[in-house]
Structure formats: C-alpha cells, structure tokens
Amino acid sequence: MNSSTTPPLIELSQVTKVYGEGEGEVRALRGIDLRINAGEFVAVMGPSGSGKSTCMNVLGCLDTPSGGQYRFLGAPVGSMSADQRALLRRNHLGFVFQGFNLLSRTTALENVELPLVYRGLPSAERHARARRALQEVGLAQRESHVPSQLSGGQQQRVAIARAIVTEPRLLFADEPTGNLDTTTSIEIMRLLTKLNERGITIVMVTHEPDIAAWTRRIVRFRDGLIESDETNEPQREAVQKGLGSR
C-alpha cells in the first residue's frame, strides 16, 4: 500500500476543543495532530482531564472540534451535516463501552441486532448477521439469554458482537476491561486482537498498562496535548508469547 496516495483512516490536524467561555473556559484539546492508518490497534492513555476522552468523542463523531480539521478517509468531517456524521457513525464505526450498555430485558441476539434495526434490514438478514457475530465472539449458545443470565465477560462479548455486526472499519473501545477481572480481561483482549488481525482498526482508551500492552501503538495525552506516540510491537509480542496468542 502506498502511503503517499492512500489517506489515513483518520487524521486530526491542529484540532482544538474549548468548552465554556470567559473565566469558565476549558481548553480540552490544544492543537492535536494524529494519524491512524487502517489496520492499526492503538491504545489511548492519560490521566483524567488529559483530553483523551474528548479526542475519542471527536473521532467517534459524538462531538465536533472547536478548531482544526478532522478527516475520515480523506473526507472533511467538519463540513458534514449532523445527519451525514450520523451516517458515518452508523456505517463505518463501532463502539464498545466499559458498562456494556446492553438492554436488560432483551436477549443477546436482540441486543446484537439493534444496529441493524436502525439500518432497516429485514428480520431474516438481521437474525443471520447477529448469529454470525455472536458465533465470532464465542457465544453461539447464549443467543436467547438476557444480560442478567450472563457473566460480565459474556456481556462484554455481546457488546462487542453488537459493535461488529455492522462490519465497521473502525472500532472504538472505551475501557472495555474496566469492569472485568484479570482472567476475563485477557479473554476480551484476545478477542479484540483477533478482530484486529482480521482487519478491523481499533482505538482503545485504557488506564491499565497491562491492557495497553496488547496494542500495536500507545498514544499518551496530558493537558490537552499528545505527550508521546510510540510503537508497542515488542511489548505486544512479549505479552502474546507469554500468554499464548490463541
């Protein structure tokens, strides 16, 4: 792939984000430059108030920059209408959250189908795609279970299946192991690694160095700026060699 002709999947150029005004003004982002190519697995780290969550919200089209430019596959997101940004989210982005965000009275299959309902797909196609997604995350036998009948790790797998059922180009994971024990966290990271190796680009917020160690690159935020941006391949390989990659 020729990097000179192929645009990065996402690119921020001197992006700022300011909340409030006057004495109450908060500069959450102070001029961020960031490029992430298709196929990367990136951890975003930093203390509370560092700007990492604001950056993720901008990348996920959940918020808009105050200044600078955000491009998705070369297209300027800032000039898109709210409806166009919503379509970008629906068609190209997937989201996984710390709290799972599953509908409590709805089965695993129905939870996974939900994004396809918004797309207006017929029920037979929704069922088939949701079943494939649940199979991919190892929950083919749990499709009729509601969240209260599933462990924390299984609930997060359902959430991941829901995020990938639309076949997104980019998956955002916000503290995906934050509510899980160590053993279950490793299972989730193995699953995310498998999805990345399949071709899904992943950007993951985490406070945990041992979770960030699974990724290919670590971007650290501090005071609204990127403090460091480094490859993580040697540590990633060591982690997978020590734990087994499968």
C-alpha atoms as a PDB file:
ATOM      1  CA  MET A   1       0.000   0.000   0.000  1.00  0.00           C
ATOM      2  CA  ASN A   2       1.427   3.370  -0.986  1.00  0.00           C
ATOM      3  CA  SER A   3       1.102   5.704   1.972  1.00  0.00           C
ATOM      4  CA  SER A   4       1.686   8.732  -0.269  1.00  0.00           C
ATOM      5  CA  THR A   5      -1.541   8.101  -2.199  1.00  0.00           C
ATOM      6  CA  THR A   6      -3.709   6.329   0.381  1.00  0.00           C
ATOM      7  CA  PRO A   7      -5.129   8.681   3.043  1.00  0.00           C
ATOM      8  CA  PRO A   8      -5.020   7.584   6.677  1.00  0.00           C
ATOM      9  CA  LEU A   9      -8.253   6.181   8.056  1.00  0.00           C
ATOM     10  CA  ILE A  10      -8.498   9.077  10.485  1.00  0.00           C
ATOM     11  CA  GLU A  11      -6.478  12.276  10.649  1.00  0.00           C
ATOM     12  CA  LEU A  12      -6.623  15.186  13.071  1.00  0.00           C
ATOM     13  CA  SER A  13      -4.812  18.394  12.121  1.00  0.00           C
ATOM     14  CA  GLN A  14      -4.364  21.044  14.847  1.00  0.00           C
ATOM     15  CA  VAL A  15      -7.683  20.067  16.429  1.00  0.00           C
ATOM     16  CA  THR A  16      -8.819  22.107  19.411  1.00  0.00           C
ATOM     17  CA  LYS A  17     -11.838  21.751  21.667  1.00  0.00           C
ATOM     18  CA  VAL A  18     -12.965  24.510  24.027  1.00  0.00           C
ATOM     19  CA  TYR A  19     -15.856  24.253  26.471  1.00  0.00           C
ATOM     20  CA  GLY A  20     -17.436  27.335  28.013  1.00  0.00           C
ATOM     21  CA  GLU A  21     -16.168  30.865  27.688  1.00  0.00           C
ATOM     22  CA  GLY A  22     -14.605  33.656  29.727  1.00  0.00           C
ATOM     23  CA  GLU A  23     -13.391  32.606  33.155  1.00  0.00           C
ATOM     24  CA  GLY A  24     -15.189  29.280  32.781  1.00  0.00           C
ATOM     25  CA  GLU A  25     -13.385  28.346  29.563  1.00  0.00           C
ATOM     26  CA  VAL A  26     -11.820  24.884  29.472  1.00  0.00           C
ATOM     27  CA  ARG A  27      -9.387  24.028  26.667  1.00  0.00           C
ATOM     28  CA  ALA A  28      -9.815  20.262  26.497  1.00  0.00           C
ATOM     29  CA  LEU A  29      -7.719  19.882  23.315  1.00  0.00           C
ATOM     30  CA  ARG A  30      -4.941  22.350  22.498  1.00  0.00           C
ATOM     31  CA  GLY A  31      -3.990  21.576  18.908  1.00  0.00           C
ATOM     32  CA  ILE A  32      -3.848  17.821  18.289  1.00  0.00           C
ATOM     33  CA  ASP A  33      -2.181  16.197  15.285  1.00  0.00           C
ATOM     34  CA  LEU A  34      -2.947  12.484  14.968  1.00  0.00           C
ATOM     35  CA  ARG A  35      -2.947   9.992  12.098  1.00  0.00           C
ATOM     36  CA  ILE A  36      -4.218   6.428  12.392  1.00  0.00           C
ATOM     37  CA  ASN A  37      -4.000   4.092   9.415  1.00  0.00           C
ATOM     38  CA  ALA A  38      -6.325   1.225   8.562  1.00  0.00           C
ATOM     39  CA  GLY A  39      -5.436  -1.959  10.446  1.00  0.00           C
ATOM     40  CA  GLU A  40      -3.832  -0.315  13.475  1.00  0.00           C
ATOM     41  CA  PHE A  41      -4.569  -1.234  17.106  1.00  0.00           C
ATOM     42  CA  VAL A  42      -3.985   1.903  19.200  1.00  0.00           C
ATOM     43  CA  ALA A  43      -4.220   2.441  22.954  1.00  0.00           C
ATOM     44  CA  VAL A  44      -5.059   5.963  24.129  1.00  0.00           C
ATOM     45  CA  MET A  45      -3.879   6.693  27.659  1.00  0.00           C
ATOM     46  CA  GLY A  46      -3.620   9.622  30.043  1.00  0.00           C
ATOM     47  CA  PRO A  47      -4.835  10.887  33.429  1.00  0.00           C
ATOM     48  CA  SER A  48      -8.337  12.234  33.988  1.00  0.00           C
ATOM     49  CA  GLY A  49      -8.710  15.614  32.301  1.00  0.00           C
ATOM     50  CA  SER A  50      -5.888  14.937  29.842  1.00  0.00           C
ATOM     51  CA  GLY A  51      -8.123  15.235  26.766  1.00  0.00           C
ATOM     52  CA  LYS A  52      -8.183  11.587  25.731  1.00  0.00           C
ATOM     53  CA  SER A  53     -11.947  11.168  26.149  1.00  0.00           C
ATOM     54  CA  THR A  54     -12.630  14.424  24.309  1.00  0.00           C
ATOM     55  CA  CYS A  55     -10.395  13.229  21.473  1.00  0.00           C
ATOM     56  CA  MET A  56     -12.264   9.920  21.317  1.00  0.00           C
ATOM     57  CA  ASN A  57     -15.600  11.747  21.187  1.00  0.00           C
ATOM     58  CA  VAL A  58     -14.347  13.841  18.270  1.00  0.00           C
ATOM     59  CA  LEU A  59     -13.018  10.775  16.439  1.00  0.00           C
ATOM     60  CA  GLY A  60     -16.291   8.947  17.033  1.00  0.00           C
ATOM     61  CA  CYS A  61     -18.315  11.881  15.644  1.00  0.00           C
ATOM     62  CA  LEU A  62     -20.000  12.268  19.027  1.00  0.00           C
ATOM     63  CA  ASP A  63     -18.601  15.800  19.348  1.00  0.00           C
ATOM     64  CA  THR A  64     -17.217  18.411  16.948  1.00  0.00           C
ATOM     65  CA  PRO A  65     -13.891  20.293  17.206  1.00  0.00           C
ATOM     66  CA  SER A  66     -13.750  23.981  18.024  1.00  0.00           C
ATOM     67  CA  GLY A  67     -10.915  24.380  15.535  1.00  0.00           C
ATOM     68  CA  GLY A  68      -8.645  22.432  13.239  1.00  0.00           C
ATOM     69  CA  GLN A  69      -9.693  19.644  10.895  1.00  0.00           C
ATOM     70  CA  TYR A  70     -10.802  16.023  11.210  1.00  0.00           C
ATOM     71  CA  ARG A  71     -10.695  13.849   8.092  1.00  0.00           C
ATOM     72  CA  PHE A  72     -12.093  10.336   7.768  1.00  0.00           C
ATOM     73  CA  LEU A  73     -10.624   8.513   4.753  1.00  0.00           C
ATOM     74  CA  GLY A  74      -9.750  11.946   3.397  1.00  0.00           C
ATOM     75  CA  ALA A  75     -13.270  13.361   3.760  1.00  0.00           C
ATOM     76  CA  PRO A  76     -13.555  16.514   5.922  1.00  0.00           C
ATOM     77  CA  VAL A  77     -15.837  15.570   8.798  1.00  0.00           C
ATOM     78  CA  GLY A  78     -16.136  19.176   9.975  1.00  0.00           C
ATOM     79  CA  SER A  79     -18.051  20.195   6.859  1.00  0.00           C
ATOM     80  CA  MET A  80     -20.532  17.326   7.197  1.00  0.00           C
ATOM     81  CA  SER A  81     -24.060  17.941   8.431  1.00  0.00           C
ATOM     82  CA  ALA A  82     -25.276  16.275  11.624  1.00  0.00           C
ATOM     83  CA  ASP A  83     -27.149  13.721   9.510  1.00  0.00           C
ATOM     84  CA  GLN A  84     -24.015  12.952   7.480  1.00  0.00           C
ATOM     85  CA  ARG A  85     -21.985  12.439  10.658  1.00  0.00           C
ATOM     86  CA  ALA A  86     -24.710  10.143  11.973  1.00  0.00           C
ATOM     87  CA  LEU A  87     -24.485   8.089   8.772  1.00  0.00           C
ATOM     88  CA  LEU A  88     -20.701   7.924   9.118  1.00  0.00           C
ATOM     89  CA  ARG A  89     -21.116   6.558  12.667  1.00  0.00           C
ATOM     90  CA  ARG A  90     -23.782   4.090  11.570  1.00  0.00           C
ATOM     91  CA  ASN A  91     -21.948   2.781   8.523  1.00  0.00           C
ATOM     92  CA  HIS A  92     -18.281   2.858   9.499  1.00  0.00           C
ATOM     93  CA  LEU A  93     -17.881   3.000  13.301  1.00  0.00           C
ATOM     94  CA  GLY A  94     -18.485   0.566  16.154  1.00  0.00           C
ATOM     95  CA  PHE A  95     -18.462   1.324  19.895  1.00  0.00           C
ATOM     96  CA  VAL A  96     -17.724  -0.806  22.966  1.00  0.00           C
ATOM     97  CA  PHE A  97     -18.105   0.670  26.449  1.00  0.00           C
ATOM     98  CA  GLN A  98     -16.931  -0.196  29.961  1.00  0.00           C
ATOM     99  CA  GLY A  99     -20.504  -0.594  31.194  1.00  0.00           C
ATOM    100  CA  PHE A 100     -21.599  -2.863  28.284  1.00  0.00           C
ATOM    101  CA  ASN A 101     -24.750  -0.711  27.652  1.00  0.00           C
ATOM    102  CA  LEU A 102     -26.971  -3.708  26.881  1.00  0.00           C
ATOM    103  CA  LEU A 103     -30.762  -3.593  27.053  1.00  0.00           C
ATOM    104  CA  SER A 104     -31.538  -5.510  30.238  1.00  0.00           C
ATOM    105  CA  ARG A 105     -34.789  -7.206  29.160  1.00  0.00           C
ATOM    106  CA  THR A 106     -33.585  -8.061  25.666  1.00  0.00           C
ATOM    107  CA  THR A 107     -31.835 -11.276  24.601  1.00  0.00           C
ATOM    108  CA  ALA A 108     -28.242 -11.368  23.420  1.00  0.00           C
ATOM    109  CA  LEU A 109     -29.434 -11.905  19.855  1.00  0.00           C
ATOM    110  CA  GLU A 110     -31.812  -8.946  20.004  1.00  0.00           C
ATOM    111  CA  ASN A 111     -29.129  -6.703  21.544  1.00  0.00           C
ATOM    112  CA  VAL A 112     -26.746  -7.550  18.711  1.00  0.00           C
ATOM    113  CA  GLU A 113     -29.469  -6.966  16.104  1.00  0.00           C
ATOM    114  CA  LEU A 114     -30.224  -3.443  17.319  1.00  0.00           C
ATOM    115  CA  PRO A 115     -27.828  -1.534  14.985  1.00  0.00           C
ATOM    116  CA  LEU A 116     -29.281  -3.470  12.053  1.00  0.00           C
ATOM    117  CA  VAL A 117     -32.789  -2.410  13.041  1.00  0.00           C
ATOM    118  CA  TYR A 118     -31.670   1.216  12.646  1.00  0.00           C
ATOM    119  CA  ARG A 119     -30.408   0.327   9.185  1.00  0.00           C
ATOM    120  CA  GLY A 120     -33.822  -1.013   8.256  1.00  0.00           C
ATOM    121  CA  LEU A 121     -32.617  -4.522   7.344  1.00  0.00           C
ATOM    122  CA  PRO A 122     -35.238  -7.292   7.063  1.00  0.00           C
ATOM    123  CA  SER A 123     -35.583  -9.556  10.076  1.00  0.00           C
ATOM    124  CA  ALA A 124     -34.144 -12.691   8.417  1.00  0.00           C
ATOM    125  CA  GLU A 125     -30.952 -10.862   7.481  1.00  0.00           C
ATOM    126  CA  ARG A 126     -30.721  -9.284  10.946  1.00  0.00           C
ATOM    127  CA  HIS A 127     -31.033 -12.678  12.629  1.00  0.00           C
ATOM    128  CA  ALA A 128     -28.413 -14.282  10.380  1.00  0.00           C
ATOM    129  CA  ARG A 129     -25.858 -11.490  10.815  1.00  0.00           C
ATOM    130  CA  ALA A 130     -26.402 -11.286  14.583  1.00  0.00           C
ATOM    131  CA  ARG A 131     -25.938 -15.047  14.932  1.00  0.00           C
ATOM    132  CA  ARG A 132     -22.676 -14.867  12.958  1.00  0.00           C
ATOM    133  CA  ALA A 133     -21.430 -12.061  15.183  1.00  0.00           C
ATOM    134  CA  LEU A 134     -22.293 -13.988  18.354  1.00  0.00           C
ATOM    135  CA  GLN A 135     -20.540 -17.041  16.945  1.00  0.00           C
ATOM    136  CA  GLU A 136     -17.450 -14.960  16.230  1.00  0.00           C
ATOM    137  CA  VAL A 137     -17.232 -13.859  19.872  1.00  0.00           C
ATOM    138  CA  GLY A 138     -17.844 -17.387  21.159  1.00  0.00           C
ATOM    139  CA  LEU A 139     -21.452 -17.016  22.308  1.00  0.00           C
ATOM    140  CA  ALA A 140     -23.368 -19.069  19.758  1.00  0.00           C
ATOM    141  CA  GLN A 141     -25.072 -20.989  22.574  1.00  0.00           C
ATOM    142  CA  ARG A 142     -26.147 -17.872  24.519  1.00  0.00           C
ATOM    143  CA  GLU A 143     -28.269 -16.012  21.975  1.00  0.00           C
ATOM    144  CA  SER A 144     -31.518 -16.428  23.949  1.00  0.00           C
ATOM    145  CA  HIS A 145     -30.026 -15.297  27.270  1.00  0.00           C
ATOM    146  CA  VAL A 146     -30.738 -11.838  28.724  1.00  0.00           C
ATOM    147  CA  PRO A 147     -27.832  -9.886  30.279  1.00  0.00           C
ATOM    148  CA  SER A 148     -28.672 -10.927  33.859  1.00  0.00           C
ATOM    149  CA  GLN A 149     -28.101 -14.548  32.806  1.00  0.00           C
ATOM    150  CA  LEU A 150     -24.604 -13.776  31.500  1.00  0.00           C
ATOM    151  CA  SER A 151     -21.291 -13.151  33.245  1.00  0.00           C
ATOM    152  CA  GLY A 152     -19.534  -9.800  32.899  1.00  0.00           C
ATOM    153  CA  GLY A 153     -17.193 -11.211  30.292  1.00  0.00           C
ATOM    154  CA  GLN A 154     -20.078 -12.690  28.327  1.00  0.00           C
ATOM    155  CA  GLN A 155     -21.952  -9.372  28.451  1.00  0.00           C
ATOM    156  CA  GLN A 156     -18.892  -7.599  27.045  1.00  0.00           C
ATOM    157  CA  ARG A 157     -18.698 -10.214  24.280  1.00  0.00           C
ATOM    158  CA  VAL A 158     -22.313  -9.453  23.400  1.00  0.00           C
ATOM    159  CA  ALA A 159     -21.426  -5.757  23.330  1.00  0.00           C
ATOM    160  CA  ILE A 160     -18.501  -6.488  21.005  1.00  0.00           C
ATOM    161  CA  ALA A 161     -20.742  -8.593  18.764  1.00  0.00           C
ATOM    162  CA  ARG A 162     -23.190  -5.677  18.607  1.00  0.00           C
ATOM    163  CA  ALA A 163     -20.312  -3.360  17.643  1.00  0.00           C
ATOM    164  CA  ILE A 164     -19.028  -5.584  14.826  1.00  0.00           C
ATOM    165  CA  VAL A 165     -22.351  -6.786  13.391  1.00  0.00           C
ATOM    166  CA  THR A 166     -22.395  -3.777  11.049  1.00  0.00           C
ATOM    167  CA  GLU A 167     -18.878  -4.682   9.825  1.00  0.00           C
ATOM    168  CA  PRO A 168     -17.324  -1.335  10.833  1.00  0.00           C
ATOM    169  CA  ARG A 169     -13.995  -0.069   9.539  1.00  0.00           C
ATOM    170  CA  LEU A 170     -13.133   1.322  12.971  1.00  0.00           C
ATOM    171  CA  LEU A 171     -13.944   0.072  16.469  1.00  0.00           C
ATOM    172  CA  PHE A 172     -13.747   2.392  19.486  1.00  0.00           C
ATOM    173  CA  ALA A 173     -13.330   0.620  22.835  1.00  0.00           C
ATOM    174  CA  ASP A 174     -13.679   2.803  25.946  1.00  0.00           C
ATOM    175  CA  GLU A 175     -12.162   0.982  28.950  1.00  0.00           C
ATOM    176  CA  PRO A 176     -13.524  -2.365  27.642  1.00  0.00           C
ATOM    177  CA  THR A 177     -11.989  -4.340  30.531  1.00  0.00           C
ATOM    178  CA  GLY A 178     -12.657  -1.782  33.278  1.00  0.00           C
ATOM    179  CA  ASN A 179     -15.416  -3.868  34.930  1.00  0.00           C
ATOM    180  CA  LEU A 180     -13.747  -7.256  34.443  1.00  0.00           C
ATOM    181  CA  ASP A 181     -11.338  -9.429  36.435  1.00  0.00           C
ATOM    182  CA  THR A 182      -7.853 -10.218  35.166  1.00  0.00           C
ATOM    183  CA  THR A 183      -8.652 -13.573  33.563  1.00  0.00           C
ATOM    184  CA  THR A 184     -11.740 -12.239  31.787  1.00  0.00           C
ATOM    185  CA  SER A 185      -9.820  -9.128  30.696  1.00  0.00           C
ATOM    186  CA  ILE A 186      -7.263 -11.340  28.974  1.00  0.00           C
ATOM    187  CA  GLU A 187     -10.076 -13.179  27.168  1.00  0.00           C
ATOM    188  CA  ILE A 188     -11.514  -9.878  25.930  1.00  0.00           C
ATOM    189  CA  MET A 189      -8.096  -8.649  24.791  1.00  0.00           C
ATOM    190  CA  ARG A 190      -7.513 -11.900  22.904  1.00  0.00           C
ATOM    191  CA  LEU A 191     -10.839 -11.351  21.163  1.00  0.00           C
ATOM    192  CA  LEU A 192     -10.022  -7.743  20.260  1.00  0.00           C
ATOM    193  CA  THR A 193      -6.616  -8.865  18.977  1.00  0.00           C
ATOM    194  CA  LYS A 194      -8.306 -11.470  16.788  1.00  0.00           C
ATOM    195  CA  LEU A 195     -10.668  -8.835  15.381  1.00  0.00           C
ATOM    196  CA  ASN A 196      -7.743  -6.523  14.671  1.00  0.00           C
ATOM    197  CA  GLU A 197      -5.865  -9.298  12.890  1.00  0.00           C
ATOM    198  CA  ARG A 198      -8.995  -9.831  10.807  1.00  0.00           C
ATOM    199  CA  GLY A 199      -8.684  -6.237   9.619  1.00  0.00           C
ATOM    200  CA  ILE A 200     -10.719  -4.052  11.994  1.00  0.00           C
ATOM    201  CA  THR A 201      -8.917  -0.903  13.130  1.00  0.00           C
ATOM    202  CA  ILE A 202      -9.234  -0.473  16.912  1.00  0.00           C
ATOM    203  CA  VAL A 203      -8.744   2.628  19.053  1.00  0.00           C
ATOM    204  CA  MET A 204      -8.990   1.810  22.757  1.00  0.00           C
ATOM    205  CA  VAL A 205      -8.976   4.055  25.817  1.00  0.00           C
ATOM    206  CA  THR A 206      -7.486   2.402  28.899  1.00  0.00           C
ATOM    207  CA  HIS A 207      -5.860   3.369  32.201  1.00  0.00           C
ATOM    208  CA  GLU A 208      -4.216  -0.047  32.552  1.00  0.00           C
ATOM    209  CA  PRO A 209      -0.661  -0.580  31.239  1.00  0.00           C
ATOM    210  CA  ASP A 210      -1.129  -4.360  31.094  1.00  0.00           C
ATOM    211  CA  ILE A 211      -4.148  -3.878  28.808  1.00  0.00           C
ATOM    212  CA  ALA A 212      -2.379  -1.283  26.646  1.00  0.00           C
ATOM    213  CA  ALA A 213       0.448  -3.803  26.256  1.00  0.00           C
ATOM    214  CA  TRP A 214      -1.775  -5.821  23.880  1.00  0.00           C
ATOM    215  CA  THR A 215      -1.905  -2.999  21.330  1.00  0.00           C
ATOM    216  CA  ARG A 216       0.435  -2.090  18.489  1.00  0.00           C
ATOM    217  CA  ARG A 217       0.804   1.585  19.409  1.00  0.00           C
ATOM    218  CA  ILE A 218       0.309   3.743  22.508  1.00  0.00           C
ATOM    219  CA  VAL A 219      -0.680   7.434  22.365  1.00  0.00           C
ATOM    220  CA  ARG A 220      -0.455   9.285  25.696  1.00  0.00           C
ATOM    221  CA  PHE A 221      -2.334  12.515  26.424  1.00  0.00           C
ATOM    222  CA  ARG A 222      -1.581  15.176  29.033  1.00  0.00           C
ATOM    223  CA  ASP A 223      -3.089  18.649  29.494  1.00  0.00           C
ATOM    224  CA  GLY A 224      -4.900  18.597  26.153  1.00  0.00           C
ATOM    225  CA  LEU A 225      -1.837  17.625  24.150  1.00  0.00           C
ATOM    226  CA  ILE A 226      -0.281  14.400  22.899  1.00  0.00           C
ATOM    227  CA  GLU A 227       2.633  13.737  25.263  1.00  0.00           C
ATOM    228  CA  SER A 228       4.002  10.701  23.399  1.00  0.00           C
ATOM    229  CA  ASP A 229       3.142   8.444  20.466  1.00  0.00           C
ATOM    230  CA  GLU A 230       5.150   5.225  20.285  1.00  0.00           C
ATOM    231  CA  THR A 231       5.052   1.808  18.684  1.00  0.00           C
ATOM    232  CA  ASN A 232       4.358  -1.040  21.072  1.00  0.00           C
ATOM    233  CA  GLU A 233       5.164  -4.079  18.919  1.00  0.00           C
ATOM    234  CA  PRO A 234       7.998  -5.528  21.094  1.00  0.00           C
ATOM    235  CA  GLN A 235       5.899  -5.438  24.270  1.00  0.00           C
ATOM    236  CA  ARG A 236       2.829  -6.732  22.413  1.00  0.00           C
ATOM    237  CA  GLU A 237       4.789  -9.700  21.079  1.00  0.00           C
ATOM    238  CA  ALA A 238       6.142 -10.437  24.559  1.00  0.00           C
ATOM    239  CA  VAL A 239       2.639 -10.380  26.051  1.00  0.00           C
ATOM    240  CA  GLN A 240       1.227 -12.705  23.404  1.00  0.00           C
ATOM    241  CA  LYS A 241       4.201 -15.053  23.642  1.00  0.00           C
ATOM    242  CA  GLY A 242       3.839 -15.228  27.417  1.00  0.00           C
ATOM    243  CA  LEU A 243       0.086 -15.795  27.469  1.00  0.00           C
ATOM    244  CA  GLY A 244      -0.407 -17.546  24.139  1.00  0.00           C
ATOM    245  CA  SER A 245      -1.989 -15.678  21.255  1.00  0.00           C
ATOM    246  CA  ARG A 246      -4.817 -18.211  20.867  1.00  0.00           C
END
